[in-house]
Amino acid sequence: MGQTSPGLTPEIFAPNLISRDDEHEFGSVFSADASEFYYAVDIGGRAEVRFTQLINGGWTPPAVLISHPQFSYNDPFLSPDENRLYYISDMPFDGTTTAKNYDIWYSVRTDTGWSEPHHAGDAINTAANEYYISFTADGSLYFASNVAASEDKHYDYDIYKSRLEEGVFQSPVRLGDGINSSQYEADVFVAPDESYLIFSSVRKGGYGQGDLYISFKDENGNWKEAGNMGELVNTSGHELCPFVTQDGKYLFYTSNKDIYWIDAAVLRRYQ
């Protein structure tokens, strides 16, 4: 988008085009060929999904893909085959007009764009909140939920995995204590080969309101104890919504209401 690629110092992504001073931008995702970019923007307390496309060598002005005057749409993420765009929303699906808890939804790619929202089903959605979506190469789904939180600790989100078997999401399994704690864990990005995952957490000893943590798998295929990614990416503000491009070159994340990017070679520092 007219920028020089970043090095090992985070930079604001597409300032004034995507990352704007007067807006709060959330989770973002590129298509595999980097010709489509989807992200979410807070609009007066609700969120909408926007997108831009690379056409004839230039990026189109960001346009609203899905929005509603009452409900939010956030955390867009493409399925592995890119025929579905997943996101979260608090819109009801019972015929009422009252906002509900956040569930995972998706739209299907069509010849003219994207379909109306489809609820992703009760195998992964609960009466609690489900946040942020990320996929492995085989279609398994990683996400966060506060379904196990007590009433007085509704902010206690954990990270779950749902395997995709014969096109159907299976009952989610909570990741182990190397990833989850008694605090907040959410906004998980998993590498397509499941070699590492990055997530946002609020823990003692952190740098600010929420930090990015990373975990790699050990030789037995188990997740190692997650580590704070340090002051290179974390600040006294809030870091969330990590995403690594399909070519493995760049790490994107939201920090202090803007989208940042950095050379993904930085991830080697934590192995």
Protein backbone atom coordinates (compact mmCIF):
# COMPACT_ATOMS: atom_id res chain seq x y z
CA MET A 1 0.00 0.00 0.00
CA GLY A 2 2.80 2.32 -0.90
CA GLN A 3 4.94 1.51 2.14
CA THR A 4 8.45 0.17 2.38
CA SER A 5 8.44 -3.19 4.14
CA PRO A 6 9.29 -2.91 7.85
CA GLY A 7 12.37 -4.30 9.54
CA LEU A 8 12.62 -5.43 13.15
CA THR A 9 11.02 -2.26 14.46
CA PRO A 10 7.20 -2.08 14.42
CA GLU A 11 5.65 0.53 12.13
CA ILE A 12 2.11 1.80 11.75
CA PHE A 13 0.53 0.05 8.78
CA ALA A 14 -0.82 2.21 5.95
CA PRO A 15 -1.18 5.43 7.97
CA ASN A 16 -4.10 7.64 6.96
CA LEU A 17 -5.46 4.91 4.68
CA ILE A 18 -6.02 1.99 7.07
CA SER A 19 -4.63 3.23 10.38
CA ARG A 20 -6.25 6.59 11.02
CA ASP A 21 -5.86 8.99 13.93
CA ASP A 22 -9.61 9.42 14.25
CA GLU A 23 -10.46 5.70 14.33
CA HIS A 24 -9.71 2.51 16.27
CA GLU A 25 -8.66 -0.34 13.97
CA PHE A 26 -8.81 -3.97 15.08
CA GLY A 27 -7.85 -7.39 13.77
CA SER A 28 -6.75 -7.64 10.18
CA VAL A 29 -6.08 -10.34 7.61
CA PHE A 30 -4.61 -10.51 4.11
CA SER A 31 -5.63 -13.07 1.52
CA ALA A 32 -2.89 -15.57 0.64
CA ASP A 33 -1.93 -13.68 -2.53
CA ALA A 34 -2.02 -10.34 -0.67
CA SER A 35 -4.65 -8.92 -3.04
CA GLU A 36 -7.37 -8.50 -0.39
CA PHE A 37 -7.15 -6.93 3.05
CA TYR A 38 -9.91 -7.12 5.67
CA TYR A 39 -10.00 -5.35 9.03
CA ALA A 40 -12.42 -3.99 11.63
CA VAL A 41 -13.02 -0.45 12.84
CA ASP A 42 -14.74 0.80 15.97
CA ILE A 43 -17.54 3.23 15.16
CA GLY A 44 -18.87 4.88 18.29
CA GLY A 45 -18.83 1.73 20.39
CA ARG A 46 -19.73 -0.78 17.69
CA ALA A 47 -17.48 -2.34 15.07
CA GLU A 48 -17.76 -2.88 11.33
CA VAL A 49 -15.66 -4.87 8.85
CA ARG A 50 -13.98 -3.05 5.97
CA PHE A 51 -11.88 -4.22 3.05
CA THR A 52 -9.63 -3.02 0.25
CA GLN A 53 -8.49 -4.81 -2.90
CA LEU A 54 -5.43 -4.63 -5.12
CA ILE A 55 -6.74 -3.91 -8.63
CA ASN A 56 -4.55 -2.99 -11.61
CA GLY A 57 -1.61 -2.30 -9.34
CA GLY A 58 -3.46 0.01 -6.95
CA TRP A 59 -5.42 -0.42 -3.73
CA THR A 60 -9.08 0.57 -3.73
CA PRO A 61 -10.29 3.02 -1.07
CA PRO A 62 -11.38 1.05 2.01
CA ALA A 63 -15.07 0.15 1.81
CA VAL A 64 -17.53 -1.16 4.37
CA LEU A 65 -18.15 -4.87 3.87
CA ILE A 66 -20.53 -5.55 6.74
CA SER A 67 -22.07 -3.13 9.22
CA HIS A 68 -25.23 -2.55 11.23
CA PRO A 69 -26.44 0.51 13.16
CA GLN A 70 -27.06 -1.59 16.27
CA PHE A 71 -24.76 -4.64 16.19
CA SER A 72 -21.00 -5.17 15.90
CA TYR A 73 -18.95 -7.19 13.42
CA ASN A 74 -15.32 -7.73 14.33
CA ASP A 75 -12.23 -9.96 14.06
CA PRO A 76 -12.38 -10.96 10.36
CA PHE A 77 -10.40 -14.03 9.29
CA LEU A 78 -10.40 -16.03 6.06
CA SER A 79 -10.89 -19.79 5.98
CA PRO A 80 -7.96 -21.80 4.55
CA ASP A 81 -9.61 -22.04 1.12
CA GLU A 82 -10.65 -18.36 1.39
CA ASN A 83 -14.22 -19.18 0.39
CA ARG A 84 -15.50 -18.09 3.78
CA LEU A 85 -14.88 -14.93 5.77
CA TYR A 86 -15.34 -15.56 9.49
CA TYR A 87 -15.94 -12.86 12.09
CA ILE A 88 -17.63 -12.35 15.44
CA SER A 89 -20.89 -10.51 16.04
CA ASP A 90 -23.35 -9.79 18.82
CA MET A 91 -26.32 -9.79 16.46
CA PRO A 92 -29.23 -12.07 17.44
CA PHE A 93 -30.25 -15.11 15.43
CA ASP A 94 -33.53 -15.81 17.22
CA GLY A 95 -35.63 -13.22 15.41
CA THR A 96 -35.27 -10.54 18.08
CA THR A 97 -33.63 -7.15 17.72
CA THR A 98 -31.64 -7.23 20.96
CA ALA A 99 -27.87 -7.64 20.89
CA LYS A 100 -26.68 -10.98 22.26
CA ASN A 101 -23.37 -12.40 23.38
CA TYR A 102 -20.62 -12.53 20.75
CA ASP A 103 -20.71 -15.60 18.51
CA ILE A 104 -18.69 -16.72 15.52
CA TRP A 105 -20.34 -16.11 12.14
CA TYR A 106 -19.24 -16.35 8.52
CA SER A 107 -20.11 -15.17 5.02
CA VAL A 108 -19.62 -17.25 1.87
CA ARG A 109 -17.74 -15.89 -1.13
CA THR A 110 -20.01 -15.44 -4.16
CA ASP A 111 -19.59 -14.24 -7.73
CA THR A 112 -20.57 -10.74 -6.61
CA GLY A 113 -18.88 -10.52 -3.21
CA TRP A 114 -19.96 -12.11 0.08
CA SER A 115 -23.22 -13.63 1.29
CA GLU A 116 -25.32 -12.59 4.24
CA PRO A 117 -24.02 -13.76 7.65
CA HIS A 118 -24.38 -17.41 8.65
CA HIS A 119 -24.19 -18.52 12.28
CA ALA A 120 -21.27 -20.94 12.71
CA GLY A 121 -23.30 -23.30 14.89
CA ASP A 122 -23.59 -24.53 18.45
CA ALA A 123 -20.58 -26.84 18.29
CA ILE A 124 -18.36 -23.80 18.84
CA ASN A 125 -20.78 -21.06 19.92
CA THR A 126 -22.17 -20.97 23.45
CA ALA A 127 -24.34 -18.80 25.68
CA ALA A 128 -21.11 -16.98 26.57
CA ASN A 129 -18.80 -14.97 24.27
CA GLU A 130 -16.58 -16.34 21.53
CA TYR A 131 -13.80 -14.10 20.23
CA TYR A 132 -11.26 -13.98 17.41
CA ILE A 133 -10.77 -16.77 14.89
CA SER A 134 -7.68 -18.41 13.42
CA PHE A 135 -7.28 -21.54 11.30
CA THR A 136 -4.73 -24.29 10.82
CA ALA A 137 -4.03 -25.55 7.31
CA ASP A 138 -6.41 -28.50 7.83
CA GLY A 139 -9.26 -26.19 8.83
CA SER A 140 -9.13 -26.67 12.59
CA LEU A 141 -10.30 -23.57 14.43
CA TYR A 142 -8.61 -21.74 17.30
CA PHE A 143 -10.60 -19.12 19.20
CA ALA A 144 -11.24 -17.69 22.68
CA SER A 145 -14.28 -18.02 24.92
CA ASN A 146 -15.33 -17.11 28.45
CA VAL A 147 -17.73 -20.05 28.65
CA ALA A 148 -15.90 -21.46 31.69
CA ALA A 149 -15.64 -18.13 33.53
CA SER A 150 -17.45 -17.57 36.80
CA GLU A 151 -20.08 -14.84 36.99
CA ASP A 152 -17.73 -12.54 38.89
CA LYS A 153 -14.87 -13.12 36.41
CA HIS A 154 -16.55 -12.78 33.02
CA TYR A 155 -13.31 -11.27 31.68
CA ASP A 156 -11.57 -14.63 32.16
CA TYR A 157 -11.22 -15.86 28.57
CA ASP A 158 -9.39 -19.03 27.56
CA ILE A 159 -8.17 -20.34 24.20
CA TYR A 160 -9.81 -23.37 22.60
CA LYS A 161 -9.31 -25.58 19.57
CA SER A 162 -12.05 -27.21 17.49
CA ARG A 163 -10.99 -29.86 14.98
CA LEU A 164 -12.63 -29.90 11.57
CA GLU A 165 -13.69 -33.44 10.67
CA GLU A 166 -15.57 -34.15 7.45
CA GLY A 167 -16.52 -30.49 7.22
CA VAL A 168 -17.93 -30.30 10.76
CA PHE A 169 -16.39 -28.50 13.74
CA GLN A 170 -16.00 -30.81 16.73
CA SER A 171 -16.45 -30.00 20.42
CA PRO A 172 -13.82 -27.44 21.41
CA VAL A 173 -10.95 -28.46 23.67
CA ARG A 174 -9.36 -25.97 26.06
CA LEU A 175 -5.61 -25.61 25.56
CA GLY A 176 -3.41 -26.53 28.51
CA ASP A 177 -1.93 -24.44 31.28
CA GLY A 178 1.12 -23.62 29.19
CA ILE A 179 -1.21 -21.31 27.26
CA ASN A 180 -4.20 -20.60 29.49
CA SER A 181 -4.11 -19.18 33.00
CA SER A 182 -6.62 -17.84 35.50
CA GLN A 183 -6.40 -14.50 33.69
CA TYR A 184 -7.40 -13.28 30.22
CA GLU A 185 -6.20 -15.13 27.10
CA ALA A 186 -7.73 -14.27 23.73
CA ASP A 187 -7.02 -13.03 20.20
CA VAL A 188 -5.11 -16.16 19.21
CA PHE A 189 -3.27 -16.57 15.92
CA VAL A 190 -2.04 -20.08 15.14
CA ALA A 191 0.50 -20.87 12.44
CA PRO A 192 -1.07 -22.95 9.66
CA ASP A 193 1.25 -25.86 10.55
CA GLU A 194 0.56 -25.33 14.30
CA SER A 195 4.25 -24.79 15.00
CA TYR A 196 3.53 -21.69 17.09
CA LEU A 197 0.72 -19.48 18.30
CA ILE A 198 0.54 -15.85 19.38
CA PHE A 199 -2.15 -14.44 21.64
CA SER A 200 -3.06 -11.48 23.81
CA SER A 201 -3.10 -11.85 27.58
CA VAL A 202 -3.44 -9.75 30.71
CA ARG A 203 -1.02 -11.10 33.31
CA LYS A 204 1.09 -9.96 36.23
CA GLY A 205 4.44 -8.64 35.11
CA GLY A 206 3.11 -7.44 31.78
CA TYR A 207 3.92 -4.14 30.14
CA GLY A 208 0.44 -2.65 29.93
CA GLN A 209 -3.27 -3.30 29.54
CA GLY A 210 -2.63 -6.43 27.48
CA ASP A 211 0.47 -7.97 25.92
CA LEU A 212 1.28 -10.38 23.12
CA TYR A 213 2.59 -13.80 24.16
CA ILE A 214 4.03 -16.59 22.01
CA SER A 215 4.33 -20.35 22.39
CA PHE A 216 6.06 -23.00 20.28
CA LYS A 217 5.48 -26.73 20.25
CA ASP A 218 8.02 -29.08 21.80
CA GLU A 219 9.38 -32.29 20.26
CA ASN A 220 6.33 -34.18 21.52
CA GLY A 221 3.85 -31.82 19.91
CA ASN A 222 2.83 -30.10 23.15
CA TRP A 223 2.62 -26.36 23.60
CA LYS A 224 5.50 -24.93 25.60
CA GLU A 225 4.98 -22.37 28.34
CA ALA A 226 4.02 -19.12 26.61
CA GLY A 227 6.41 -16.21 26.93
CA ASN A 228 5.87 -12.47 26.81
CA MET A 229 7.08 -11.02 23.49
CA GLY A 230 8.74 -8.17 25.34
CA GLU A 231 9.05 -4.45 24.86
CA LEU A 232 9.85 -4.75 21.17
CA VAL A 233 6.13 -5.15 20.46
CA ASN A 234 4.45 -4.62 23.83
CA THR A 235 3.83 -1.18 25.32
CA SER A 236 2.09 0.42 28.27
CA GLY A 237 -1.05 0.32 26.14
CA HIS A 238 -2.89 -2.69 24.73
CA GLU A 239 -1.52 -5.12 22.13
CA LEU A 240 -3.95 -7.55 20.53
CA CYS A 241 -5.18 -9.11 17.26
CA PRO A 242 -1.97 -10.78 15.97
CA PHE A 243 -1.79 -12.14 12.43
CA VAL A 244 1.11 -13.46 10.34
CA THR A 245 0.82 -13.30 6.56
CA GLN A 246 0.54 -16.57 4.64
CA ASP A 247 4.05 -16.20 3.24
CA GLY A 248 5.38 -15.92 6.80
CA LYS A 249 7.01 -12.55 6.16
CA TYR A 250 5.11 -10.10 8.36
CA LEU A 251 3.47 -9.97 11.78
CA PHE A 252 0.49 -7.63 12.07
CA TYR A 253 -1.17 -6.61 15.33
CA THR A 254 -3.19 -3.82 16.89
CA SER A 255 -1.50 -1.49 19.35
CA ASN A 256 -2.97 1.62 20.93
CA LYS A 257 -5.84 1.76 18.41
CA ASP A 258 -3.75 1.37 15.23
CA ILE A 259 -2.57 -1.60 13.16
CA TYR A 260 1.19 -2.20 13.22
CA TRP A 261 3.43 -4.52 11.23
CA ILE A 262 6.94 -5.88 11.69
CA ASP A 263 9.22 -8.36 9.93
CA ALA A 264 8.15 -11.82 11.14
CA ALA A 265 11.82 -12.76 11.46
CA VAL A 266 11.37 -11.31 14.93
CA LEU A 267 9.60 -14.53 15.93
CA ARG A 268 12.91 -16.42 15.84
CA ARG A 269 14.02 -14.46 18.88
CA TYR A 270 11.52 -16.34 21.02
CA GLN A 271 12.29 -19.92 19.99
